[in-house]
Amino acid sequence: MEWTNIRTAGQSAEFVPAAVLNLVSDDFRTRDDAYANLENGVVQQSRLFEAAYYTVPLLIELLERSTEDTGKDLIYDLLYEIGNGWADDRITHKDGTSEPLREACRRAVRDHLKLYLRDVTAEDETVRRRVLDVLVSMEDPARPGEIQRLLGEVRTTDSEVLADIAQANNDL
C-alpha cells in the first residue's frame, strides 16, 4: 500500500503501519505514543480521515495474531473510534466505486464481530470492557438482536465476565 498518498489529519500516513505494530509493544511509552499518533492522525476528535479506513485491516491482523492482552485495549479503542466516527468525505476503492468514508469505516469494523468475541473473556478487565464497548456500539437497527445473539455464543463460567456481558446486553 502506498501510505504516502493516503490522507490523515495533516501529515503523510507513512507512520501508520509502524504505529499500529507499536500498539502491542512491551514498552508502555511506545504503546502510548503509537496510540496518540494514530488517534491524532487517522481519527481526531471523532473525525475520520482516509487513513482510518486503511488502518482497520492492520488492527484486525494484530488481533488475529495476538496471543497476549498487551495493547488490545488500545486496538479496541481505535476500532471503537473508527467505527463510530464521522466524516463528510468519500473513499474511492480500487475498483473505482466510492462510498461515504463513515459508512466504509463502520462496515470495516463490523465485518469482524465474531473475531472480537474471543476477547470478551480476556483476563484483562480493560480489554474485556473495551471489546464489549465496540460490540455494543456496532448494534445495527437493520439487524436487531445480532449483538445479543453473538454475546450468547460466549461460553464461560467466570462471574466477572458474565456480569460484563449482562451489562453489555443492558446497554443494547
N, C-alpha and C. Protein backbone atom coordinates (compact mmCIF):
# COMPACT_ATOMS: atom_id res chain seq x y z
N MET A 1 0.84 -1.17 0.00
CA MET A 1 0.00 0.00 0.00
C MET A 1 0.89 1.24 0.00
N GLU A 2 0.49 2.21 -0.74
CA GLU A 2 1.24 3.47 -0.84
C GLU A 2 0.71 4.46 0.20
N TRP A 3 1.22 4.35 1.42
CA TRP A 3 0.75 5.15 2.54
C TRP A 3 1.00 6.64 2.37
N THR A 4 1.98 7.02 1.56
CA THR A 4 2.28 8.44 1.39
C THR A 4 1.14 9.20 0.71
N ASN A 5 0.30 8.49 -0.05
CA ASN A 5 -0.80 9.14 -0.77
C ASN A 5 -2.12 9.10 -0.02
N ILE A 6 -2.12 8.59 1.19
CA ILE A 6 -3.35 8.47 1.97
C ILE A 6 -3.43 9.62 2.96
N ARG A 7 -4.60 10.23 3.05
CA ARG A 7 -4.79 11.42 3.89
C ARG A 7 -4.97 11.08 5.37
N THR A 8 -4.36 11.92 6.19
CA THR A 8 -4.55 11.88 7.64
C THR A 8 -4.93 13.30 8.07
N ALA A 9 -4.79 13.58 9.33
CA ALA A 9 -5.16 14.90 9.86
C ALA A 9 -4.10 15.96 9.59
N GLY A 10 -3.21 15.73 8.68
CA GLY A 10 -2.26 16.79 8.36
C GLY A 10 -0.86 16.31 8.07
N GLN A 11 -0.69 15.04 7.96
CA GLN A 11 0.63 14.51 7.64
C GLN A 11 0.46 13.31 6.75
N SER A 12 1.55 12.83 6.22
CA SER A 12 1.52 11.62 5.42
C SER A 12 1.16 10.44 6.32
N ALA A 13 0.51 9.46 5.77
CA ALA A 13 0.13 8.28 6.55
C ALA A 13 1.25 7.24 6.63
N GLU A 14 2.44 7.62 6.22
CA GLU A 14 3.57 6.69 6.25
C GLU A 14 3.82 6.10 7.64
N PHE A 15 3.46 6.84 8.67
CA PHE A 15 3.71 6.40 10.05
C PHE A 15 2.75 5.29 10.51
N VAL A 16 1.64 5.11 9.81
CA VAL A 16 0.56 4.24 10.29
C VAL A 16 0.99 2.79 10.51
N PRO A 17 1.61 2.09 9.54
CA PRO A 17 1.94 0.68 9.80
C PRO A 17 2.84 0.47 11.02
N ALA A 18 3.86 1.30 11.17
CA ALA A 18 4.75 1.16 12.33
C ALA A 18 4.02 1.48 13.63
N ALA A 19 3.19 2.51 13.60
CA ALA A 19 2.44 2.88 14.81
C ALA A 19 1.50 1.76 15.22
N VAL A 20 0.84 1.14 14.26
CA VAL A 20 -0.07 0.03 14.58
C VAL A 20 0.71 -1.10 15.23
N LEU A 21 1.85 -1.45 14.68
CA LEU A 21 2.67 -2.52 15.28
C LEU A 21 3.11 -2.15 16.69
N ASN A 22 3.39 -0.88 16.93
CA ASN A 22 3.84 -0.44 18.24
C ASN A 22 2.74 -0.49 19.30
N LEU A 23 1.50 -0.65 18.89
CA LEU A 23 0.40 -0.76 19.85
C LEU A 23 0.56 -1.97 20.76
N VAL A 24 1.28 -2.99 20.31
CA VAL A 24 1.45 -4.20 21.11
C VAL A 24 2.89 -4.34 21.64
N SER A 25 3.61 -3.24 21.66
CA SER A 25 4.97 -3.24 22.20
C SER A 25 4.94 -3.60 23.68
N ASP A 26 6.02 -4.18 24.16
CA ASP A 26 6.15 -4.48 25.58
C ASP A 26 6.35 -3.21 26.41
N ASP A 27 6.77 -2.13 25.75
CA ASP A 27 7.05 -0.88 26.43
C ASP A 27 5.80 0.01 26.44
N PHE A 28 5.38 0.39 27.65
CA PHE A 28 4.17 1.21 27.80
C PHE A 28 4.27 2.51 27.02
N ARG A 29 5.39 3.21 27.12
CA ARG A 29 5.56 4.52 26.47
C ARG A 29 5.45 4.38 24.95
N THR A 30 6.02 3.32 24.40
CA THR A 30 5.93 3.08 22.96
C THR A 30 4.48 2.87 22.55
N ARG A 31 3.74 2.05 23.32
CA ARG A 31 2.31 1.83 23.04
C ARG A 31 1.52 3.12 23.12
N ASP A 32 1.77 3.88 24.18
CA ASP A 32 1.04 5.13 24.40
C ASP A 32 1.31 6.14 23.28
N ASP A 33 2.56 6.27 22.88
CA ASP A 33 2.91 7.19 21.78
C ASP A 33 2.27 6.75 20.47
N ALA A 34 2.29 5.46 20.21
CA ALA A 34 1.69 4.94 18.97
C ALA A 34 0.19 5.24 18.95
N TYR A 35 -0.47 5.00 20.07
CA TYR A 35 -1.90 5.28 20.14
C TYR A 35 -2.17 6.77 19.91
N ALA A 36 -1.41 7.63 20.56
CA ALA A 36 -1.61 9.07 20.40
C ALA A 36 -1.42 9.50 18.95
N ASN A 37 -0.40 8.95 18.29
CA ASN A 37 -0.16 9.29 16.88
C ASN A 37 -1.32 8.84 15.99
N LEU A 38 -1.83 7.66 16.25
CA LEU A 38 -2.96 7.15 15.45
C LEU A 38 -4.23 7.92 15.76
N GLU A 39 -4.46 8.17 17.03
CA GLU A 39 -5.68 8.88 17.43
C GLU A 39 -5.69 10.30 16.88
N ASN A 40 -4.54 10.91 16.77
CA ASN A 40 -4.47 12.28 16.25
C ASN A 40 -4.25 12.34 14.75
N GLY A 41 -4.03 11.20 14.13
CA GLY A 41 -3.77 11.19 12.69
C GLY A 41 -4.89 10.59 11.87
N VAL A 42 -5.36 9.42 12.25
CA VAL A 42 -6.38 8.74 11.44
C VAL A 42 -7.79 9.11 11.88
N VAL A 43 -7.95 9.42 13.15
CA VAL A 43 -9.24 9.89 13.68
C VAL A 43 -8.91 10.93 14.74
N GLN A 44 -9.53 12.08 14.61
CA GLN A 44 -9.21 13.17 15.52
C GLN A 44 -10.52 13.79 16.01
N GLN A 45 -10.74 13.70 17.33
CA GLN A 45 -11.97 14.20 17.93
C GLN A 45 -13.19 13.66 17.17
N SER A 46 -13.17 12.37 16.92
CA SER A 46 -14.23 11.61 16.24
C SER A 46 -14.31 11.86 14.73
N ARG A 47 -13.49 12.73 14.19
CA ARG A 47 -13.48 12.97 12.75
C ARG A 47 -12.55 11.97 12.08
N LEU A 48 -13.08 11.28 11.10
CA LEU A 48 -12.32 10.27 10.38
C LEU A 48 -11.58 10.87 9.20
N PHE A 49 -10.39 10.37 8.99
CA PHE A 49 -9.61 10.72 7.81
C PHE A 49 -9.44 9.44 6.98
N GLU A 50 -9.11 9.59 5.74
CA GLU A 50 -9.00 8.46 4.82
C GLU A 50 -8.18 7.31 5.42
N ALA A 51 -7.12 7.62 6.11
CA ALA A 51 -6.24 6.59 6.68
C ALA A 51 -6.97 5.68 7.67
N ALA A 52 -8.05 6.18 8.27
CA ALA A 52 -8.79 5.35 9.23
C ALA A 52 -9.27 4.06 8.57
N TYR A 53 -9.82 4.19 7.38
CA TYR A 53 -10.34 3.01 6.68
C TYR A 53 -9.23 1.98 6.44
N TYR A 54 -8.07 2.45 6.04
CA TYR A 54 -6.96 1.55 5.73
C TYR A 54 -6.24 1.03 6.98
N THR A 55 -6.50 1.66 8.10
CA THR A 55 -5.91 1.22 9.36
C THR A 55 -6.64 0.01 9.93
N VAL A 56 -7.92 -0.09 9.68
CA VAL A 56 -8.72 -1.19 10.24
C VAL A 56 -8.12 -2.57 9.92
N PRO A 57 -7.77 -2.87 8.66
CA PRO A 57 -7.22 -4.21 8.39
C PRO A 57 -5.93 -4.49 9.17
N LEU A 58 -5.13 -3.47 9.43
CA LEU A 58 -3.90 -3.66 10.21
C LEU A 58 -4.24 -3.98 11.67
N LEU A 59 -5.25 -3.30 12.20
CA LEU A 59 -5.69 -3.57 13.57
C LEU A 59 -6.26 -4.98 13.69
N ILE A 60 -7.02 -5.38 12.70
CA ILE A 60 -7.62 -6.72 12.69
C ILE A 60 -6.52 -7.78 12.63
N GLU A 61 -5.54 -7.54 11.79
CA GLU A 61 -4.42 -8.50 11.69
C GLU A 61 -3.70 -8.65 13.03
N LEU A 62 -3.51 -7.54 13.73
CA LEU A 62 -2.89 -7.61 15.06
C LEU A 62 -3.73 -8.44 16.01
N LEU A 63 -5.04 -8.24 16.00
CA LEU A 63 -5.92 -9.03 16.87
C LEU A 63 -5.85 -10.51 16.52
N GLU A 64 -5.82 -10.81 15.25
CA GLU A 64 -5.77 -12.22 14.82
C GLU A 64 -4.49 -12.90 15.26
N ARG A 65 -3.38 -12.17 15.24
CA ARG A 65 -2.07 -12.75 15.57
C ARG A 65 -1.75 -12.70 17.05
N SER A 66 -2.39 -11.81 17.77
CA SER A 66 -2.03 -11.55 19.16
C SER A 66 -2.40 -12.71 20.08
N THR A 67 -1.43 -13.11 20.90
CA THR A 67 -1.67 -14.19 21.86
C THR A 67 -1.73 -13.65 23.29
N GLU A 68 -1.45 -12.36 23.45
CA GLU A 68 -1.49 -11.73 24.77
C GLU A 68 -2.43 -10.54 24.73
N ASP A 69 -2.82 -10.06 25.91
CA ASP A 69 -3.72 -8.91 26.01
C ASP A 69 -3.01 -7.57 25.85
N THR A 70 -1.69 -7.55 25.93
CA THR A 70 -0.94 -6.30 25.86
C THR A 70 -1.31 -5.51 24.61
N GLY A 71 -1.79 -4.31 24.83
CA GLY A 71 -2.13 -3.40 23.73
C GLY A 71 -3.51 -3.58 23.12
N LYS A 72 -4.19 -4.65 23.46
CA LYS A 72 -5.51 -4.87 22.87
C LYS A 72 -6.51 -3.80 23.29
N ASP A 73 -6.36 -3.26 24.48
CA ASP A 73 -7.26 -2.18 24.90
C ASP A 73 -7.14 -1.00 23.94
N LEU A 74 -5.93 -0.71 23.50
CA LEU A 74 -5.71 0.40 22.57
C LEU A 74 -6.26 0.08 21.18
N ILE A 75 -6.09 -1.16 20.77
CA ILE A 75 -6.63 -1.58 19.47
C ILE A 75 -8.15 -1.43 19.47
N TYR A 76 -8.79 -1.90 20.53
CA TYR A 76 -10.25 -1.78 20.60
C TYR A 76 -10.70 -0.32 20.74
N ASP A 77 -9.92 0.49 21.43
CA ASP A 77 -10.24 1.92 21.48
C ASP A 77 -10.26 2.52 20.08
N LEU A 78 -9.25 2.19 19.30
CA LEU A 78 -9.18 2.72 17.93
C LEU A 78 -10.31 2.17 17.06
N LEU A 79 -10.60 0.88 17.19
CA LEU A 79 -11.71 0.31 16.43
C LEU A 79 -13.02 1.00 16.80
N TYR A 80 -13.20 1.29 18.07
CA TYR A 80 -14.41 1.99 18.52
C TYR A 80 -14.47 3.37 17.86
N GLU A 81 -13.38 4.10 17.95
CA GLU A 81 -13.36 5.46 17.39
C GLU A 81 -13.58 5.45 15.89
N ILE A 82 -12.95 4.52 15.20
CA ILE A 82 -13.10 4.44 13.74
C ILE A 82 -14.52 4.00 13.38
N GLY A 83 -15.04 3.04 14.08
CA GLY A 83 -16.38 2.53 13.78
C GLY A 83 -17.50 3.49 14.13
N ASN A 84 -17.20 4.47 14.97
CA ASN A 84 -18.23 5.40 15.42
C ASN A 84 -17.92 6.86 15.08
N GLY A 85 -16.91 7.06 14.26
CA GLY A 85 -16.52 8.41 13.88
C GLY A 85 -17.43 9.00 12.83
N TRP A 86 -17.14 10.22 12.43
CA TRP A 86 -17.93 10.91 11.40
C TRP A 86 -16.98 11.45 10.33
N ALA A 87 -17.51 11.64 9.18
CA ALA A 87 -16.75 12.22 8.07
C ALA A 87 -17.71 12.67 6.99
N ASP A 88 -17.37 13.73 6.34
CA ASP A 88 -18.13 14.19 5.18
C ASP A 88 -17.53 13.66 3.89
N ASP A 89 -16.31 13.12 3.98
CA ASP A 89 -15.58 12.65 2.81
C ASP A 89 -16.11 11.32 2.29
N ARG A 90 -15.68 11.01 1.09
CA ARG A 90 -15.96 9.72 0.48
C ARG A 90 -14.63 9.02 0.28
N ILE A 91 -14.69 7.71 0.18
CA ILE A 91 -13.49 6.93 -0.11
C ILE A 91 -13.70 6.23 -1.44
N THR A 92 -12.68 6.24 -2.27
CA THR A 92 -12.75 5.57 -3.56
C THR A 92 -11.95 4.28 -3.46
N HIS A 93 -12.60 3.18 -3.78
CA HIS A 93 -11.96 1.87 -3.71
C HIS A 93 -11.18 1.58 -4.99
N LYS A 94 -10.36 0.55 -4.95
CA LYS A 94 -9.53 0.18 -6.10
C LYS A 94 -10.35 -0.10 -7.36
N ASP A 95 -11.57 -0.58 -7.19
CA ASP A 95 -12.42 -0.89 -8.35
C ASP A 95 -13.11 0.34 -8.92
N GLY A 96 -12.84 1.52 -8.32
CA GLY A 96 -13.41 2.76 -8.83
C GLY A 96 -14.70 3.18 -8.17
N THR A 97 -15.31 2.30 -7.39
CA THR A 97 -16.53 2.67 -6.68
C THR A 97 -16.17 3.54 -5.48
N SER A 98 -17.13 4.34 -5.06
CA SER A 98 -16.88 5.16 -3.87
C SER A 98 -18.08 5.06 -2.94
N GLU A 99 -17.83 5.38 -1.69
CA GLU A 99 -18.88 5.38 -0.68
C GLU A 99 -18.49 6.37 0.41
N PRO A 100 -19.45 6.78 1.22
CA PRO A 100 -19.10 7.68 2.33
C PRO A 100 -18.07 7.02 3.25
N LEU A 101 -17.06 7.77 3.62
CA LEU A 101 -16.00 7.26 4.47
C LEU A 101 -16.54 6.73 5.79
N ARG A 102 -17.50 7.42 6.36
CA ARG A 102 -18.08 6.99 7.64
C ARG A 102 -18.67 5.59 7.51
N GLU A 103 -19.44 5.36 6.46
CA GLU A 103 -20.06 4.04 6.26
C GLU A 103 -19.02 2.97 5.99
N ALA A 104 -18.01 3.30 5.20
CA ALA A 104 -16.95 2.33 4.89
C ALA A 104 -16.20 1.92 6.16
N CYS A 105 -15.90 2.88 7.01
CA CYS A 105 -15.19 2.59 8.25
C CYS A 105 -16.05 1.74 9.19
N ARG A 106 -17.30 2.09 9.31
CA ARG A 106 -18.20 1.32 10.19
C ARG A 106 -18.32 -0.12 9.70
N ARG A 107 -18.48 -0.29 8.39
CA ARG A 107 -18.58 -1.64 7.83
C ARG A 107 -17.29 -2.42 8.06
N ALA A 108 -16.15 -1.75 7.88
CA ALA A 108 -14.86 -2.42 8.07
C ALA A 108 -14.71 -2.94 9.50
N VAL A 109 -15.18 -2.17 10.46
CA VAL A 109 -15.13 -2.61 11.86
C VAL A 109 -16.16 -3.71 12.11
N ARG A 110 -17.37 -3.55 11.60
CA ARG A 110 -18.45 -4.54 11.80
C ARG A 110 -18.13 -5.88 11.17
N ASP A 111 -17.35 -5.89 10.12
CA ASP A 111 -17.06 -7.14 9.40
C ASP A 111 -16.34 -8.18 10.26
N HIS A 112 -15.90 -7.81 11.45
CA HIS A 112 -15.09 -8.72 12.25
C HIS A 112 -15.68 -8.97 13.65
N LEU A 113 -16.98 -8.84 13.77
CA LEU A 113 -17.63 -9.00 15.07
C LEU A 113 -17.31 -10.34 15.72
N LYS A 114 -17.30 -11.40 14.94
CA LYS A 114 -17.04 -12.73 15.53
C LYS A 114 -15.62 -12.84 16.07
N LEU A 115 -14.67 -12.18 15.42
CA LEU A 115 -13.29 -12.17 15.92
C LEU A 115 -13.23 -11.53 17.31
N TYR A 116 -13.98 -10.46 17.50
CA TYR A 116 -13.94 -9.75 18.77
C TYR A 116 -14.45 -10.61 19.93
N LEU A 117 -15.31 -11.57 19.62
CA LEU A 117 -15.89 -12.40 20.68
C LEU A 117 -14.84 -13.11 21.52
N ARG A 118 -13.73 -13.49 20.91
CA ARG A 118 -12.73 -14.23 21.70
C ARG A 118 -12.12 -13.39 22.81
N ASP A 119 -12.19 -12.06 22.68
CA ASP A 119 -11.64 -11.20 23.72
C ASP A 119 -12.67 -10.80 24.77
N VAL A 120 -13.91 -11.23 24.60
CA VAL A 120 -14.92 -10.96 25.63
C VAL A 120 -14.54 -11.65 26.93
N THR A 121 -13.79 -12.73 26.85
CA THR A 121 -13.37 -13.46 28.04
C THR A 121 -11.91 -13.18 28.40
N ALA A 122 -11.35 -12.10 27.90
CA ALA A 122 -9.95 -11.76 28.19
C ALA A 122 -9.72 -11.64 29.69
N GLU A 123 -8.53 -12.02 30.11
CA GLU A 123 -8.18 -11.90 31.53
C GLU A 123 -8.12 -10.44 31.94
N ASP A 124 -7.63 -9.61 31.06
CA ASP A 124 -7.51 -8.18 31.34
C ASP A 124 -8.89 -7.53 31.28
N GLU A 125 -9.34 -7.03 32.41
CA GLU A 125 -10.67 -6.44 32.52
C GLU A 125 -10.86 -5.26 31.56
N THR A 126 -9.81 -4.48 31.37
CA THR A 126 -9.90 -3.33 30.47
C THR A 126 -10.14 -3.78 29.04
N VAL A 127 -9.42 -4.80 28.61
CA VAL A 127 -9.61 -5.34 27.25
C VAL A 127 -11.04 -5.85 27.12
N ARG A 128 -11.49 -6.60 28.11
CA ARG A 128 -12.83 -7.17 28.09
C ARG A 128 -13.89 -6.08 27.93
N ARG A 129 -13.76 -5.04 28.69
CA ARG A 129 -14.77 -3.96 28.64
C ARG A 129 -14.68 -3.16 27.34
N ARG A 130 -13.47 -2.98 26.84
CA ARG A 130 -13.33 -2.23 25.59
C ARG A 130 -13.92 -3.00 24.41
N VAL A 131 -13.70 -4.31 24.38
CA VAL A 131 -14.28 -5.09 23.28
C VAL A 131 -15.80 -5.08 23.38
N LEU A 132 -16.32 -5.13 24.58
CA LEU A 132 -17.77 -5.06 24.75
C LEU A 132 -18.30 -3.70 24.30
N ASP A 133 -17.55 -2.63 24.56
CA ASP A 133 -17.94 -1.31 24.07
C ASP A 133 -18.03 -1.30 22.54
N VAL A 134 -17.05 -1.91 21.90
CA VAL A 134 -17.07 -1.99 20.42
C VAL A 134 -18.30 -2.76 19.97
N LEU A 135 -18.53 -3.92 20.57
CA LEU A 135 -19.66 -4.74 20.16
C LEU A 135 -20.99 -4.00 20.34
N VAL A 136 -21.18 -3.38 21.49
CA VAL A 136 -22.43 -2.66 21.76
C VAL A 136 -22.60 -1.52 20.75
N SER A 137 -21.52 -0.82 20.43
CA SER A 137 -21.62 0.31 19.51
C SER A 137 -21.89 -0.12 18.07
N MET A 138 -21.69 -1.39 17.77
CA MET A 138 -21.90 -1.89 16.41
C MET A 138 -23.30 -2.44 16.19
N GLU A 139 -24.17 -2.30 17.19
CA GLU A 139 -25.56 -2.71 17.02
C GLU A 139 -26.14 -2.01 15.80
N ASP A 140 -26.80 -2.76 14.96
CA ASP A 140 -27.35 -2.25 13.71
C ASP A 140 -28.86 -2.39 13.75
N PRO A 141 -29.59 -1.28 13.63
CA PRO A 141 -31.05 -1.36 13.67
C PRO A 141 -31.63 -2.29 12.60
N ALA A 142 -30.90 -2.49 11.52
CA ALA A 142 -31.36 -3.38 10.46
C ALA A 142 -31.18 -4.85 10.85
N ARG A 143 -30.43 -5.09 11.92
CA ARG A 143 -30.17 -6.46 12.40
C ARG A 143 -30.44 -6.53 13.89
N PRO A 144 -31.67 -6.31 14.31
CA PRO A 144 -31.96 -6.28 15.74
C PRO A 144 -31.59 -7.60 16.44
N GLY A 145 -30.98 -7.46 17.59
CA GLY A 145 -30.63 -8.63 18.39
C GLY A 145 -29.35 -9.34 17.96
N GLU A 146 -28.70 -8.88 16.91
CA GLU A 146 -27.50 -9.56 16.42
C GLU A 146 -26.40 -9.61 17.47
N ILE A 147 -26.13 -8.50 18.13
CA ILE A 147 -25.05 -8.46 19.11
C ILE A 147 -25.41 -9.33 20.31
N GLN A 148 -26.65 -9.29 20.75
CA GLN A 148 -27.06 -10.15 21.87
C GLN A 148 -26.89 -11.63 21.51
N ARG A 149 -27.24 -11.99 20.27
CA ARG A 149 -27.05 -13.39 19.85
C ARG A 149 -25.57 -13.76 19.87
N LEU A 150 -24.72 -12.85 19.38
CA LEU A 150 -23.29 -13.13 19.39
C LEU A 150 -22.77 -13.28 20.82
N LEU A 151 -23.20 -12.39 21.70
CA LEU A 151 -22.76 -12.50 23.09
C LEU A 151 -23.27 -13.78 23.74
N GLY A 152 -24.39 -14.28 23.26
CA GLY A 152 -24.92 -15.55 23.75
C GLY A 152 -24.05 -16.74 23.36
N GLU A 153 -23.17 -16.56 22.37
CA GLU A 153 -22.26 -17.63 21.95
C GLU A 153 -21.05 -17.76 22.87
N VAL A 154 -20.82 -16.76 23.70
CA VAL A 154 -19.66 -16.78 24.59
C VAL A 154 -19.90 -17.80 25.70
N ARG A 155 -18.97 -18.72 25.84
CA ARG A 155 -19.08 -19.77 26.85
C ARG A 155 -18.07 -19.52 27.96
N THR A 156 -18.58 -19.25 29.13
CA THR A 156 -17.73 -19.02 30.29
C THR A 156 -18.54 -19.23 31.57
N THR A 157 -17.83 -19.52 32.64
CA THR A 157 -18.46 -19.59 33.95
C THR A 157 -17.90 -18.50 34.86
N ASP A 158 -17.01 -17.68 34.33
CA ASP A 158 -16.39 -16.59 35.09
C ASP A 158 -17.45 -15.55 35.43
N SER A 159 -17.69 -15.33 36.70
CA SER A 159 -18.77 -14.44 37.13
C SER A 159 -18.52 -12.99 36.71
N GLU A 160 -17.27 -12.55 36.68
CA GLU A 160 -16.97 -11.18 36.25
C GLU A 160 -17.28 -11.00 34.76
N VAL A 161 -16.90 -11.98 33.96
CA VAL A 161 -17.18 -11.93 32.52
C VAL A 161 -18.69 -11.95 32.29
N LEU A 162 -19.38 -12.82 33.00
CA LEU A 162 -20.84 -12.89 32.86
C LEU A 162 -21.51 -11.58 33.25
N ALA A 163 -20.99 -10.92 34.29
CA ALA A 163 -21.53 -9.63 34.71
C ALA A 163 -21.28 -8.57 33.64
N ASP A 164 -20.09 -8.60 33.04
CA ASP A 164 -19.78 -7.64 31.96
C ASP A 164 -20.68 -7.87 30.75
N ILE A 165 -20.92 -9.12 30.42
CA ILE A 165 -21.81 -9.45 29.28
C ILE A 165 -23.23 -8.99 29.59
N ALA A 166 -23.68 -9.22 30.82
CA ALA A 166 -25.03 -8.78 31.21
C ALA A 166 -25.15 -7.27 31.11
N GLN A 167 -24.11 -6.55 31.53
CA GLN A 167 -24.13 -5.09 31.42
C GLN A 167 -24.18 -4.66 29.96
N ALA A 168 -23.41 -5.33 29.11
CA ALA A 168 -23.40 -5.02 27.68
C ALA A 168 -24.80 -5.25 27.08
N ASN A 169 -25.42 -6.34 27.46
CA ASN A 169 -26.78 -6.62 26.98
C ASN A 169 -27.76 -5.55 27.44
N ASN A 170 -27.59 -5.07 28.66
CA ASN A 170 -28.43 -3.98 29.16
C ASN A 170 -28.21 -2.70 28.37
N ASP A 171 -26.97 -2.46 27.95
CA ASP A 171 -26.63 -1.26 27.20
C ASP A 171 -27.20 -1.29 25.79
N LEU A 172 -27.52 -2.48 25.33
CA LEU A 172 -28.11 -2.59 23.98
C LEU A 172 -29.53 -2.14 24.05
